[in-house]
Amino acid sequence: MRKLLILAVIVAAVSTPAFAGTWENNCAGCHNGQMPSSSGKPIPSKDQLKAKFKSVQEFVNAAKSTSDPMMAPFKTQDAVLQAAAKEVLGK
């Protein structure tokens, strides 16, 4: 019984991230409206980004053109940025 419980916990822990979307896996930790950017201003939340950007391409272009070093790892990941934009914008 104990082995079964341990196995169930391991399977749940390993499979849970697969169900989370791109936004949750890559963006939500910082884009919560409370974390400060490198300039000291709060990083915009998902709702703020949804209100600001009306298209996926506009969202991706803004992410790629930001000067904030925290976004540097994502600037070359077009597929990740597009998937996150689609999740945020509901498209």
N, C-alpha and C. Protein backbone atom coordinates (compact mmCIF):
# COMPACT_ATOMS: atom_id res chain seq x y z
N MET A 1 0.83 -1.19 0.00
CA MET A 1 0.00 0.00 0.00
C MET A 1 0.87 1.25 0.00
N ARG A 2 1.93 1.21 0.79
CA ARG A 2 2.80 2.38 0.89
C ARG A 2 3.50 2.65 -0.44
N LYS A 3 3.91 1.58 -1.13
CA LYS A 3 4.56 1.73 -2.43
C LYS A 3 3.60 2.33 -3.44
N LEU A 4 2.34 1.91 -3.37
CA LEU A 4 1.33 2.43 -4.28
C LEU A 4 1.12 3.93 -4.05
N LEU A 5 1.08 4.32 -2.81
CA LEU A 5 0.91 5.74 -2.47
C LEU A 5 2.11 6.56 -2.97
N ILE A 6 3.31 6.05 -2.76
CA ILE A 6 4.51 6.74 -3.23
C ILE A 6 4.49 6.85 -4.75
N LEU A 7 4.12 5.79 -5.42
CA LEU A 7 4.04 5.80 -6.88
C LEU A 7 3.00 6.82 -7.36
N ALA A 8 1.87 6.88 -6.70
CA ALA A 8 0.82 7.84 -7.07
C ALA A 8 1.30 9.28 -6.91
N VAL A 9 2.03 9.55 -5.85
CA VAL A 9 2.56 10.90 -5.62
C VAL A 9 3.58 11.26 -6.69
N ILE A 10 4.43 10.33 -7.03
CA ILE A 10 5.45 10.58 -8.06
C ILE A 10 4.79 10.84 -9.41
N VAL A 11 3.83 10.02 -9.78
CA VAL A 11 3.13 10.20 -11.05
C VAL A 11 2.42 11.55 -11.08
N ALA A 12 1.77 11.90 -10.02
CA ALA A 12 1.07 13.19 -9.96
C ALA A 12 2.04 14.36 -10.08
N ALA A 13 3.17 14.27 -9.41
CA ALA A 13 4.16 15.34 -9.44
C ALA A 13 4.78 15.50 -10.82
N VAL A 14 5.01 14.40 -11.48
CA VAL A 14 5.64 14.43 -12.80
C VAL A 14 4.66 14.88 -13.87
N SER A 15 3.42 14.50 -13.77
CA SER A 15 2.46 14.80 -14.83
C SER A 15 1.78 16.15 -14.68
N THR A 16 1.76 16.73 -13.52
CA THR A 16 1.06 18.00 -13.31
C THR A 16 1.57 19.12 -14.21
N PRO A 17 2.88 19.32 -14.35
CA PRO A 17 3.34 20.39 -15.23
C PRO A 17 2.90 20.23 -16.68
N ALA A 18 2.65 19.02 -17.12
CA ALA A 18 2.22 18.80 -18.49
C ALA A 18 0.84 19.39 -18.75
N PHE A 19 0.05 19.55 -17.72
CA PHE A 19 -1.29 20.10 -17.88
C PHE A 19 -1.30 21.62 -17.79
N ALA A 20 -0.27 22.20 -17.25
CA ALA A 20 -0.20 23.65 -17.16
C ALA A 20 0.16 24.20 -18.53
N GLY A 21 -0.37 25.36 -18.83
CA GLY A 21 -0.11 25.97 -20.12
C GLY A 21 1.23 26.70 -20.14
N THR A 22 1.52 27.23 -21.29
CA THR A 22 2.76 27.99 -21.48
C THR A 22 2.83 29.16 -20.52
N TRP A 23 1.72 29.84 -20.36
CA TRP A 23 1.70 31.01 -19.46
C TRP A 23 2.07 30.59 -18.04
N GLU A 24 1.43 29.55 -17.54
CA GLU A 24 1.69 29.10 -16.17
C GLU A 24 3.12 28.61 -15.99
N ASN A 25 3.65 27.91 -16.98
CA ASN A 25 4.99 27.35 -16.88
C ASN A 25 6.10 28.38 -17.04
N ASN A 26 5.88 29.41 -17.83
CA ASN A 26 6.96 30.32 -18.18
C ASN A 26 6.77 31.77 -17.74
N CYS A 27 5.54 32.19 -17.53
CA CYS A 27 5.29 33.63 -17.39
C CYS A 27 4.65 34.06 -16.06
N ALA A 28 3.76 33.24 -15.55
CA ALA A 28 2.93 33.63 -14.41
C ALA A 28 3.73 33.96 -13.15
N GLY A 29 4.86 33.32 -12.98
CA GLY A 29 5.67 33.56 -11.77
C GLY A 29 6.12 35.00 -11.64
N CYS A 30 6.42 35.64 -12.75
CA CYS A 30 6.88 37.03 -12.72
C CYS A 30 5.75 38.01 -13.06
N HIS A 31 4.88 37.62 -14.01
CA HIS A 31 3.81 38.52 -14.46
C HIS A 31 2.59 38.40 -13.55
N ASN A 32 2.79 38.78 -12.29
CA ASN A 32 1.70 38.72 -11.33
C ASN A 32 1.28 40.11 -10.84
N GLY A 33 1.87 41.16 -11.41
CA GLY A 33 1.50 42.53 -11.04
C GLY A 33 2.16 43.01 -9.76
N GLN A 34 2.99 42.19 -9.14
CA GLN A 34 3.62 42.56 -7.88
C GLN A 34 5.13 42.52 -7.93
N MET A 35 5.68 41.66 -8.77
CA MET A 35 7.13 41.52 -8.86
C MET A 35 7.73 42.74 -9.58
N PRO A 36 8.77 43.34 -9.04
CA PRO A 36 9.36 44.51 -9.71
C PRO A 36 10.25 44.09 -10.88
N SER A 37 10.25 44.92 -11.90
CA SER A 37 11.14 44.70 -13.04
C SER A 37 12.51 45.25 -12.69
N SER A 38 13.43 45.17 -13.63
CA SER A 38 14.77 45.70 -13.38
C SER A 38 14.76 47.21 -13.20
N SER A 39 13.71 47.88 -13.71
CA SER A 39 13.61 49.33 -13.54
C SER A 39 12.90 49.71 -12.23
N GLY A 40 12.40 48.71 -11.51
CA GLY A 40 11.73 48.96 -10.24
C GLY A 40 10.22 49.05 -10.35
N LYS A 41 9.68 49.15 -11.57
CA LYS A 41 8.23 49.19 -11.76
C LYS A 41 7.68 47.77 -11.72
N PRO A 42 6.43 47.61 -11.30
CA PRO A 42 5.86 46.26 -11.27
C PRO A 42 5.77 45.67 -12.68
N ILE A 43 6.07 44.39 -12.81
CA ILE A 43 5.90 43.69 -14.08
C ILE A 43 4.40 43.54 -14.30
N PRO A 44 3.91 43.83 -15.51
CA PRO A 44 2.46 43.78 -15.73
C PRO A 44 1.89 42.38 -15.53
N SER A 45 0.67 42.36 -15.02
CA SER A 45 -0.03 41.10 -14.79
C SER A 45 -0.66 40.60 -16.09
N LYS A 46 -1.18 39.41 -16.04
CA LYS A 46 -1.86 38.82 -17.20
C LYS A 46 -3.02 39.71 -17.64
N ASP A 47 -3.80 40.18 -16.70
CA ASP A 47 -4.94 41.05 -17.04
C ASP A 47 -4.48 42.36 -17.66
N GLN A 48 -3.39 42.93 -17.15
CA GLN A 48 -2.87 44.17 -17.71
C GLN A 48 -2.37 43.95 -19.13
N LEU A 49 -1.71 42.83 -19.38
CA LEU A 49 -1.23 42.52 -20.73
C LEU A 49 -2.40 42.29 -21.68
N LYS A 50 -3.43 41.63 -21.19
CA LYS A 50 -4.61 41.37 -22.02
C LYS A 50 -5.29 42.68 -22.42
N ALA A 51 -5.32 43.63 -21.52
CA ALA A 51 -5.93 44.93 -21.82
C ALA A 51 -5.06 45.76 -22.76
N LYS A 52 -3.76 45.58 -22.69
CA LYS A 52 -2.84 46.39 -23.47
C LYS A 52 -2.68 45.91 -24.91
N PHE A 53 -2.65 44.61 -25.12
CA PHE A 53 -2.37 44.06 -26.44
C PHE A 53 -3.62 43.42 -27.03
N LYS A 54 -3.86 43.73 -28.30
CA LYS A 54 -5.06 43.23 -28.97
C LYS A 54 -4.79 42.08 -29.94
N SER A 55 -3.53 41.87 -30.30
CA SER A 55 -3.21 40.78 -31.23
C SER A 55 -2.01 39.99 -30.72
N VAL A 56 -1.91 38.76 -31.18
CA VAL A 56 -0.79 37.90 -30.81
C VAL A 56 0.51 38.53 -31.28
N GLN A 57 0.53 39.03 -32.52
CA GLN A 57 1.76 39.59 -33.07
C GLN A 57 2.20 40.83 -32.29
N GLU A 58 1.26 41.66 -31.88
CA GLU A 58 1.58 42.84 -31.08
C GLU A 58 2.20 42.43 -29.73
N PHE A 59 1.64 41.42 -29.12
CA PHE A 59 2.14 40.88 -27.86
C PHE A 59 3.57 40.35 -28.03
N VAL A 60 3.78 39.53 -29.06
CA VAL A 60 5.10 38.94 -29.32
C VAL A 60 6.12 40.02 -29.62
N ASN A 61 5.76 40.99 -30.45
CA ASN A 61 6.70 42.07 -30.79
C ASN A 61 7.10 42.86 -29.55
N ALA A 62 6.15 43.13 -28.67
CA ALA A 62 6.46 43.87 -27.44
C ALA A 62 7.40 43.06 -26.54
N ALA A 63 7.14 41.77 -26.42
CA ALA A 63 7.99 40.92 -25.59
C ALA A 63 9.41 40.86 -26.14
N LYS A 64 9.53 40.81 -27.46
CA LYS A 64 10.85 40.72 -28.09
C LYS A 64 11.61 42.04 -28.08
N SER A 65 10.89 43.15 -27.97
CA SER A 65 11.55 44.45 -28.03
C SER A 65 11.81 45.08 -26.66
N THR A 66 11.35 44.44 -25.60
CA THR A 66 11.57 45.00 -24.27
C THR A 66 13.05 45.01 -23.93
N SER A 67 13.44 46.00 -23.17
CA SER A 67 14.84 46.09 -22.76
C SER A 67 15.10 45.43 -21.41
N ASP A 68 14.05 44.91 -20.78
CA ASP A 68 14.20 44.28 -19.48
C ASP A 68 15.00 42.98 -19.63
N PRO A 69 16.10 42.85 -18.91
CA PRO A 69 16.93 41.65 -19.03
C PRO A 69 16.24 40.36 -18.59
N MET A 70 15.18 40.47 -17.81
CA MET A 70 14.46 39.27 -17.37
C MET A 70 13.76 38.57 -18.53
N MET A 71 13.52 39.30 -19.63
CA MET A 71 12.86 38.72 -20.79
C MET A 71 13.86 38.18 -21.82
N ALA A 72 15.14 38.39 -21.60
CA ALA A 72 16.17 37.98 -22.57
C ALA A 72 16.07 36.51 -22.98
N PRO A 73 15.86 35.58 -22.05
CA PRO A 73 15.80 34.17 -22.47
C PRO A 73 14.64 33.85 -23.42
N PHE A 74 13.62 34.68 -23.42
CA PHE A 74 12.42 34.39 -24.21
C PHE A 74 12.42 35.08 -25.57
N LYS A 75 13.31 36.03 -25.79
CA LYS A 75 13.31 36.81 -27.02
C LYS A 75 13.52 35.97 -28.28
N THR A 76 14.17 34.85 -28.16
CA THR A 76 14.41 33.99 -29.32
C THR A 76 13.44 32.81 -29.38
N GLN A 77 12.51 32.76 -28.46
CA GLN A 77 11.56 31.64 -28.39
C GLN A 77 10.19 32.05 -28.92
N ASP A 78 10.12 32.23 -30.22
CA ASP A 78 8.88 32.68 -30.85
C ASP A 78 7.68 31.79 -30.52
N ALA A 79 7.88 30.48 -30.55
CA ALA A 79 6.76 29.56 -30.29
C ALA A 79 6.23 29.72 -28.87
N VAL A 80 7.12 29.91 -27.91
CA VAL A 80 6.70 30.11 -26.51
C VAL A 80 5.95 31.43 -26.37
N LEU A 81 6.48 32.49 -26.97
CA LEU A 81 5.82 33.79 -26.90
C LEU A 81 4.45 33.76 -27.57
N GLN A 82 4.36 33.11 -28.71
CA GLN A 82 3.08 33.02 -29.40
C GLN A 82 2.06 32.20 -28.61
N ALA A 83 2.50 31.11 -28.03
CA ALA A 83 1.59 30.28 -27.21
C ALA A 83 1.12 31.05 -25.99
N ALA A 84 2.03 31.78 -25.34
CA ALA A 84 1.64 32.58 -24.17
C ALA A 84 0.67 33.67 -24.58
N ALA A 85 0.93 34.32 -25.71
CA ALA A 85 0.04 35.38 -26.18
C ALA A 85 -1.35 34.84 -26.46
N LYS A 86 -1.42 33.68 -27.08
CA LYS A 86 -2.72 33.07 -27.37
C LYS A 86 -3.49 32.75 -26.10
N GLU A 87 -2.76 32.28 -25.08
CA GLU A 87 -3.41 31.98 -23.79
C GLU A 87 -3.92 33.25 -23.13
N VAL A 88 -3.08 34.30 -23.13
CA VAL A 88 -3.46 35.55 -22.48
C VAL A 88 -4.62 36.21 -23.20
N LEU A 89 -4.55 36.25 -24.52
CA LEU A 89 -5.55 36.95 -25.32
C LEU A 89 -6.78 36.11 -25.62
N GLY A 90 -6.71 34.81 -25.30
CA GLY A 90 -7.84 33.93 -25.55
C GLY A 90 -8.09 33.65 -27.02
N LYS A 91 -6.99 33.56 -27.79
CA LYS A 91 -7.13 33.34 -29.25
C LYS A 91 -6.55 32.02 -29.65
